[in-house]
Amino acid sequence: MARSDKAATVAELAGKFRDSNAAVLTEYRGLTVAQLTTLRSSIKDHATYTVVKNTLTKLAAKEAGVTAFDGQFAGPSAVAFVTGDPVETAKKIRDFARTNPQLVIKGGVLDGNPMTADEIRQLADLESREVLLAKLAGAMKASLNNAAYLFAAPLSKAVRTMEALRLRMEEQASASAPVEAADTEAVTEDAEAAPATV
């Protein structure tokens, strides 16, 4: 490979490291081209899987400021450059490695933070971004419903109390009205029956 080609490859890989929110370094010794194609297809919505030369990739990682892979470039290597959901990518790579044990996850980087192979497997055990967002939205909706209920409860209680008071006052008024009328009639009858005195 010519020196200019090497420089272009290093620049391209450094750009991929910079543009990715995560990257996973793997060793693919013993995998066929068909198996690698299957892996590429499974992660294509969230990442690109690139077979790399160790020396050039080490230079590119250094140029991009990625130190997560120091000392790990040995054997046939490939990097999954993640531009989409890192959880979904980690799941796909983990699942592929389960059925194809020749694929070895060496390590990774997520938002500039180095990750071990075990941490990548733990990342794969998380729920996808969409599921987490849906759960968050559900929790927020429940919180909003509770808040609305808490705000509305004192108002509805006040309305119910005022209505009960109104009904009670009406009942008292209607119960005392016939008594007052009967008292007025009795006074009138007494006045008429009494003889006038001069």
C-alpha atoms as a PDB file:
ATOM      1  CA  MET A   1       0.000   0.000   0.000  1.00  0.00           C
ATOM      2  CA  ALA A   2       1.418   3.369  -1.047  1.00  0.00           C
ATOM      3  CA  ARG A   3       2.181   5.981   1.593  1.00  0.00           C
ATOM      4  CA  SER A   4      -0.555   8.297   0.273  1.00  0.00           C
ATOM      5  CA  ASP A   5      -3.080   5.444   0.401  1.00  0.00           C
ATOM      6  CA  LYS A   6      -2.080   4.708   3.982  1.00  0.00           C
ATOM      7  CA  ALA A   7      -2.492   8.373   4.940  1.00  0.00           C
ATOM      8  CA  ALA A   8      -5.925   8.451   3.272  1.00  0.00           C
ATOM      9  CA  THR A   9      -6.982   5.261   5.095  1.00  0.00           C
ATOM     10  CA  VAL A  10      -5.802   6.653   8.453  1.00  0.00           C
ATOM     11  CA  ALA A  11      -7.672   9.918   7.805  1.00  0.00           C
ATOM     12  CA  GLU A  12     -10.826   8.017   6.807  1.00  0.00           C
ATOM     13  CA  LEU A  13     -10.708   5.794   9.900  1.00  0.00           C
ATOM     14  CA  ALA A  14      -9.990   8.779  12.165  1.00  0.00           C
ATOM     15  CA  GLY A  15     -13.053  10.488  10.675  1.00  0.00           C
ATOM     16  CA  LYS A  16     -15.165   7.389  11.391  1.00  0.00           C
ATOM     17  CA  PHE A  17     -13.969   7.369  15.004  1.00  0.00           C
ATOM     18  CA  ARG A  18     -14.861  11.056  15.361  1.00  0.00           C
ATOM     19  CA  ASP A  19     -18.271  10.724  13.683  1.00  0.00           C
ATOM     20  CA  SER A  20     -19.308   7.662  15.707  1.00  0.00           C
ATOM     21  CA  ASN A  21     -20.948   7.832  19.116  1.00  0.00           C
ATOM     22  CA  ALA A  22     -19.546   4.359  19.841  1.00  0.00           C
ATOM     23  CA  ALA A  23     -17.188   1.779  18.376  1.00  0.00           C
ATOM     24  CA  VAL A  24     -16.677  -1.931  19.074  1.00  0.00           C
ATOM     25  CA  LEU A  25     -13.396  -3.680  18.311  1.00  0.00           C
ATOM     26  CA  THR A  26     -13.685  -7.368  17.379  1.00  0.00           C
ATOM     27  CA  GLU A  27     -11.460 -10.183  16.219  1.00  0.00           C
ATOM     28  CA  TYR A  28     -13.020 -12.245  13.452  1.00  0.00           C
ATOM     29  CA  ARG A  29     -10.477 -15.061  13.005  1.00  0.00           C
ATOM     30  CA  GLY A  30     -12.161 -18.120  11.462  1.00  0.00           C
ATOM     31  CA  LEU A  31     -15.281 -16.378  10.175  1.00  0.00           C
ATOM     32  CA  THR A  32     -16.230 -16.705   6.534  1.00  0.00           C
ATOM     33  CA  VAL A  33     -17.043 -13.848   4.206  1.00  0.00           C
ATOM     34  CA  ALA A  34     -20.700 -14.943   4.267  1.00  0.00           C
ATOM     35  CA  GLN A  35     -20.759 -14.785   8.083  1.00  0.00           C
ATOM     36  CA  LEU A  36     -19.184 -11.307   8.082  1.00  0.00           C
ATOM     37  CA  THR A  37     -21.764 -10.214   5.516  1.00  0.00           C
ATOM     38  CA  THR A  38     -24.532 -11.501   7.787  1.00  0.00           C
ATOM     39  CA  LEU A  39     -23.105  -9.495  10.699  1.00  0.00           C
ATOM     40  CA  ARG A  40     -22.809  -6.373   8.554  1.00  0.00           C
ATOM     41  CA  SER A  41     -26.412  -6.736   7.419  1.00  0.00           C
ATOM     42  CA  SER A  42     -27.705  -7.197  10.950  1.00  0.00           C
ATOM     43  CA  ILE A  43     -26.170  -3.944  12.219  1.00  0.00           C
ATOM     44  CA  LYS A  44     -26.416  -1.791   9.089  1.00  0.00           C
ATOM     45  CA  ASP A  45     -29.248   0.372  10.482  1.00  0.00           C
ATOM     46  CA  HIS A  46     -27.083   1.539  13.383  1.00  0.00           C
ATOM     47  CA  ALA A  47     -23.450   0.878  12.459  1.00  0.00           C
ATOM     48  CA  THR A  48     -20.935  -0.013   9.787  1.00  0.00           C
ATOM     49  CA  TYR A  49     -18.663  -3.022  10.278  1.00  0.00           C
ATOM     50  CA  THR A  50     -15.231  -2.463   8.784  1.00  0.00           C
ATOM     51  CA  VAL A  51     -12.338  -4.923   8.521  1.00  0.00           C
ATOM     52  CA  VAL A  52      -9.226  -2.897   9.395  1.00  0.00           C
ATOM     53  CA  LYS A  53      -5.456  -3.082   9.372  1.00  0.00           C
ATOM     54  CA  ASN A  54      -4.195  -2.970  12.955  1.00  0.00           C
ATOM     55  CA  THR A  55      -1.302  -0.527  12.463  1.00  0.00           C
ATOM     56  CA  LEU A  56      -3.367   1.980  10.470  1.00  0.00           C
ATOM     57  CA  THR A  57      -6.319   1.727  12.842  1.00  0.00           C
ATOM     58  CA  LYS A  58      -4.050   2.267  15.838  1.00  0.00           C
ATOM     59  CA  LEU A  59      -2.751   5.458  14.156  1.00  0.00           C
ATOM     60  CA  ALA A  60      -6.299   6.569  13.295  1.00  0.00           C
ATOM     61  CA  ALA A  61      -7.543   5.974  16.839  1.00  0.00           C
ATOM     62  CA  LYS A  62      -4.626   7.968  18.219  1.00  0.00           C
ATOM     63  CA  GLU A  63      -5.320  10.782  15.750  1.00  0.00           C
ATOM     64  CA  ALA A  64      -9.000  10.810  16.788  1.00  0.00           C
ATOM     65  CA  GLY A  65      -8.088  10.810  20.496  1.00  0.00           C
ATOM     66  CA  VAL A  66      -9.465   7.308  21.143  1.00  0.00           C
ATOM     67  CA  THR A  67      -7.371   5.424  23.696  1.00  0.00           C
ATOM     68  CA  ALA A  68      -9.859   2.636  24.465  1.00  0.00           C
ATOM     69  CA  PHE A  69      -8.155   0.185  22.103  1.00  0.00           C
ATOM     70  CA  ASP A  70      -4.546   0.650  23.223  1.00  0.00           C
ATOM     71  CA  GLY A  71      -2.799  -2.710  23.208  1.00  0.00           C
ATOM     72  CA  GLN A  72      -5.791  -4.540  21.695  1.00  0.00           C
ATOM     73  CA  PHE A  73      -4.880  -4.440  18.021  1.00  0.00           C
ATOM     74  CA  ALA A  74      -3.737  -8.010  17.376  1.00  0.00           C
ATOM     75  CA  GLY A  75      -5.011 -10.652  15.005  1.00  0.00           C
ATOM     76  CA  PRO A  76      -7.567 -10.026  12.261  1.00  0.00           C
ATOM     77  CA  SER A  77      -9.536  -7.011  13.511  1.00  0.00           C
ATOM     78  CA  ALA A  78     -12.748  -5.303  12.529  1.00  0.00           C
ATOM     79  CA  VAL A  79     -14.470  -2.283  14.055  1.00  0.00           C
ATOM     80  CA  ALA A  80     -18.184  -1.593  14.254  1.00  0.00           C
ATOM     81  CA  PHE A  81     -18.517   2.188  13.969  1.00  0.00           C
ATOM     82  CA  VAL A  82     -21.847   3.035  15.616  1.00  0.00           C
ATOM     83  CA  THR A  83     -23.731   6.118  14.437  1.00  0.00           C
ATOM     84  CA  GLY A  84     -27.183   4.947  15.578  1.00  0.00           C
ATOM     85  CA  ASP A  85     -28.358   3.141  18.699  1.00  0.00           C
ATOM     86  CA  PRO A  86     -25.350   1.648  20.542  1.00  0.00           C
ATOM     87  CA  VAL A  87     -27.569  -0.660  22.608  1.00  0.00           C
ATOM     88  CA  GLU A  88     -29.147  -2.194  19.519  1.00  0.00           C
ATOM     89  CA  THR A  89     -25.729  -2.603  17.889  1.00  0.00           C
ATOM     90  CA  ALA A  90     -24.298  -4.254  21.015  1.00  0.00           C
ATOM     91  CA  LYS A  91     -27.296  -6.646  21.065  1.00  0.00           C
ATOM     92  CA  LYS A  92     -26.760  -7.651  17.431  1.00  0.00           C
ATOM     93  CA  ILE A  93     -23.020  -8.181  17.888  1.00  0.00           C
ATOM     94  CA  ARG A  94     -23.571 -10.162  21.126  1.00  0.00           C
ATOM     95  CA  ASP A  95     -26.236 -12.328  19.490  1.00  0.00           C
ATOM     96  CA  PHE A  96     -24.013 -12.961  16.473  1.00  0.00           C
ATOM     97  CA  ALA A  97     -21.093 -13.888  18.752  1.00  0.00           C
ATOM     98  CA  ARG A  98     -23.318 -16.397  20.596  1.00  0.00           C
ATOM     99  CA  THR A  99     -24.056 -18.286  17.386  1.00  0.00           C
ATOM    100  CA  ASN A 100     -20.572 -17.679  15.937  1.00  0.00           C
ATOM    101  CA  PRO A 101     -18.062 -18.031  18.794  1.00  0.00           C
ATOM    102  CA  GLN A 102     -15.167 -17.231  16.460  1.00  0.00           C
ATOM    103  CA  LEU A 103     -16.167 -13.564  16.772  1.00  0.00           C
ATOM    104  CA  VAL A 104     -14.403 -12.164  19.824  1.00  0.00           C
ATOM    105  CA  ILE A 105     -15.480  -8.819  21.279  1.00  0.00           C
ATOM    106  CA  LYS A 106     -12.305  -7.138  22.531  1.00  0.00           C
ATOM    107  CA  GLY A 107     -13.561  -3.809  23.767  1.00  0.00           C
ATOM    108  CA  GLY A 108     -15.203  -0.601  22.778  1.00  0.00           C
ATOM    109  CA  VAL A 109     -15.733   3.057  23.322  1.00  0.00           C
ATOM    110  CA  LEU A 110     -19.023   4.826  24.067  1.00  0.00           C
ATOM    111  CA  ASP A 111     -19.203   8.623  23.985  1.00  0.00           C
ATOM    112  CA  GLY A 112     -15.437   8.781  24.488  1.00  0.00           C
ATOM    113  CA  ASN A 113     -15.436   6.375  27.453  1.00  0.00           C
ATOM    114  CA  PRO A 114     -13.588   3.062  27.133  1.00  0.00           C
ATOM    115  CA  MET A 115     -15.591  -0.136  27.602  1.00  0.00           C
ATOM    116  CA  THR A 116     -14.487  -3.684  28.276  1.00  0.00           C
ATOM    117  CA  ALA A 117     -16.001  -6.664  26.484  1.00  0.00           C
ATOM    118  CA  ASP A 118     -18.076  -7.395  29.615  1.00  0.00           C
ATOM    119  CA  GLU A 119     -19.398  -3.826  29.674  1.00  0.00           C
ATOM    120  CA  ILE A 120     -20.428  -4.158  26.032  1.00  0.00           C
ATOM    121  CA  ARG A 121     -22.347  -7.332  26.911  1.00  0.00           C
ATOM    122  CA  GLN A 122     -24.014  -5.442  29.790  1.00  0.00           C
ATOM    123  CA  LEU A 123     -24.902  -2.663  27.346  1.00  0.00           C
ATOM    124  CA  ALA A 124     -26.483  -5.315  25.124  1.00  0.00           C
ATOM    125  CA  ASP A 125     -28.669  -6.422  28.043  1.00  0.00           C
ATOM    126  CA  LEU A 126     -30.267  -2.964  28.263  1.00  0.00           C
ATOM    127  CA  GLU A 127     -33.543  -2.294  26.525  1.00  0.00           C
ATOM    128  CA  SER A 128     -33.417  -0.418  23.256  1.00  0.00           C
ATOM    129  CA  ARG A 129     -33.670   3.350  23.104  1.00  0.00           C
ATOM    130  CA  GLU A 130     -37.231   3.187  21.743  1.00  0.00           C
ATOM    131  CA  VAL A 131     -38.395   0.934  24.588  1.00  0.00           C
ATOM    132  CA  LEU A 132     -36.729   3.145  27.206  1.00  0.00           C
ATOM    133  CA  LEU A 133     -38.289   6.260  25.645  1.00  0.00           C
ATOM    134  CA  ALA A 134     -41.707   4.586  25.600  1.00  0.00           C
ATOM    135  CA  LYS A 135     -41.345   3.652  29.273  1.00  0.00           C
ATOM    136  CA  LEU A 136     -40.232   7.195  30.090  1.00  0.00           C
ATOM    137  CA  ALA A 137     -43.215   8.622  28.205  1.00  0.00           C
ATOM    138  CA  GLY A 138     -45.562   6.271  30.067  1.00  0.00           C
ATOM    139  CA  ALA A 139     -44.067   7.252  33.413  1.00  0.00           C
ATOM    140  CA  MET A 140     -44.337  10.945  32.532  1.00  0.00           C
ATOM    141  CA  LYS A 141     -47.969  10.517  31.451  1.00  0.00           C
ATOM    142  CA  ALA A 142     -48.784   8.742  34.712  1.00  0.00           C
ATOM    143  CA  SER A 143     -47.062  11.517  36.659  1.00  0.00           C
ATOM    144  CA  LEU A 144     -49.008  14.163  34.756  1.00  0.00           C
ATOM    145  CA  ASN A 145     -52.283  12.323  35.391  1.00  0.00           C
ATOM    146  CA  ASN A 146     -51.459  12.106  39.096  1.00  0.00           C
ATOM    147  CA  ALA A 147     -50.555  15.794  39.188  1.00  0.00           C
ATOM    148  CA  ALA A 148     -53.785  16.724  37.394  1.00  0.00           C
ATOM    149  CA  TYR A 149     -55.767  14.621  39.864  1.00  0.00           C
ATOM    150  CA  LEU A 150     -54.001  16.247  42.816  1.00  0.00           C
ATOM    151  CA  PHE A 151     -54.735  19.723  41.446  1.00  0.00           C
ATOM    152  CA  ALA A 152     -58.345  18.886  40.603  1.00  0.00           C
ATOM    153  CA  ALA A 153     -59.131  17.026  43.847  1.00  0.00           C
ATOM    154  CA  PRO A 154     -59.288  20.113  46.124  1.00  0.00           C
ATOM    155  CA  LEU A 155     -61.436  21.960  43.587  1.00  0.00           C
ATOM    156  CA  SER A 156     -63.880  19.094  43.165  1.00  0.00           C
ATOM    157  CA  LYS A 157     -63.974  18.621  46.934  1.00  0.00           C
ATOM    158  CA  ALA A 158     -64.749  22.322  47.383  1.00  0.00           C
ATOM    159  CA  VAL A 159     -67.487  22.120  44.743  1.00  0.00           C
ATOM    160  CA  ARG A 160     -69.004  19.049  46.433  1.00  0.00           C
ATOM    161  CA  THR A 161     -68.872  20.781  49.841  1.00  0.00           C
ATOM    162  CA  MET A 162     -70.503  23.934  48.483  1.00  0.00           C
ATOM    163  CA  GLU A 163     -73.231  21.867  46.796  1.00  0.00           C
ATOM    164  CA  ALA A 164     -73.887  19.976  50.042  1.00  0.00           C
ATOM    165  CA  LEU A 165     -74.139  23.275  51.942  1.00  0.00           C
ATOM    166  CA  ARG A 166     -76.528  24.691  49.331  1.00  0.00           C
ATOM    167  CA  LEU A 167     -78.771  21.627  49.546  1.00  0.00           C
ATOM    168  CA  ARG A 168     -78.737  21.761  53.342  1.00  0.00           C
ATOM    169  CA  MET A 169     -79.712  25.441  53.353  1.00  0.00           C
ATOM    170  CA  GLU A 170     -82.551  24.731  50.905  1.00  0.00           C
ATOM    171  CA  GLU A 171     -83.799  21.893  53.109  1.00  0.00           C
ATOM    172  CA  GLN A 172     -83.692  24.115  56.197  1.00  0.00           C
ATOM    173  CA  ALA A 173     -85.463  26.915  54.367  1.00  0.00           C
ATOM    174  CA  SER A 174     -88.200  24.636  53.076  1.00  0.00           C
ATOM    175  CA  ALA A 175     -88.637  22.980  56.493  1.00  0.00           C
ATOM    176  CA  SER A 176     -88.963  26.309  58.338  1.00  0.00           C
ATOM    177  CA  ALA A 177     -91.242  27.989  55.743  1.00  0.00           C
ATOM    178  CA  PRO A 178     -94.511  26.045  56.628  1.00  0.00           C
ATOM    179  CA  VAL A 179     -93.947  26.631  60.327  1.00  0.00           C
ATOM    180  CA  GLU A 180     -93.590  30.375  59.776  1.00  0.00           C
ATOM    181  CA  ALA A 181     -96.703  30.398  57.589  1.00  0.00           C
ATOM    182  CA  ALA A 182     -98.707  28.469  60.233  1.00  0.00           C
ATOM    183  CA  ASP A 183     -97.575  30.907  62.938  1.00  0.00           C
ATOM    184  CA  THR A 184     -98.675  33.874  60.814  1.00  0.00           C
ATOM    185  CA  GLU A 185    -102.104  32.325  60.202  1.00  0.00           C
ATOM    186  CA  ALA A 186    -102.579  31.633  63.938  1.00  0.00           C
ATOM    187  CA  VAL A 187    -101.749  35.237  64.804  1.00  0.00           C
ATOM    188  CA  THR A 188    -104.234  36.481  62.189  1.00  0.00           C
ATOM    189  CA  GLU A 189    -107.026  34.202  63.493  1.00  0.00           C
ATOM    190  CA  ASP A 190    -106.378  35.311  67.091  1.00  0.00           C
ATOM    191  CA  ALA A 191    -106.562  38.949  66.057  1.00  0.00           C
ATOM    192  CA  GLU A 192    -109.875  38.462  64.310  1.00  0.00           C
ATOM    193  CA  ALA A 193    -111.435  36.465  67.192  1.00  0.00           C
ATOM    194  CA  ALA A 194    -110.494  38.961  69.905  1.00  0.00           C
ATOM    195  CA  PRO A 195    -113.205  41.548  70.675  1.00  0.00           C
ATOM    196  CA  ALA A 196    -112.292  45.070  70.008  1.00  0.00           C
ATOM    197  CA  THR A 197    -111.891  47.144  73.105  1.00  0.00           C
ATOM    198  CA  VAL A 198    -112.513  50.808  73.178  1.00  0.00           C
END
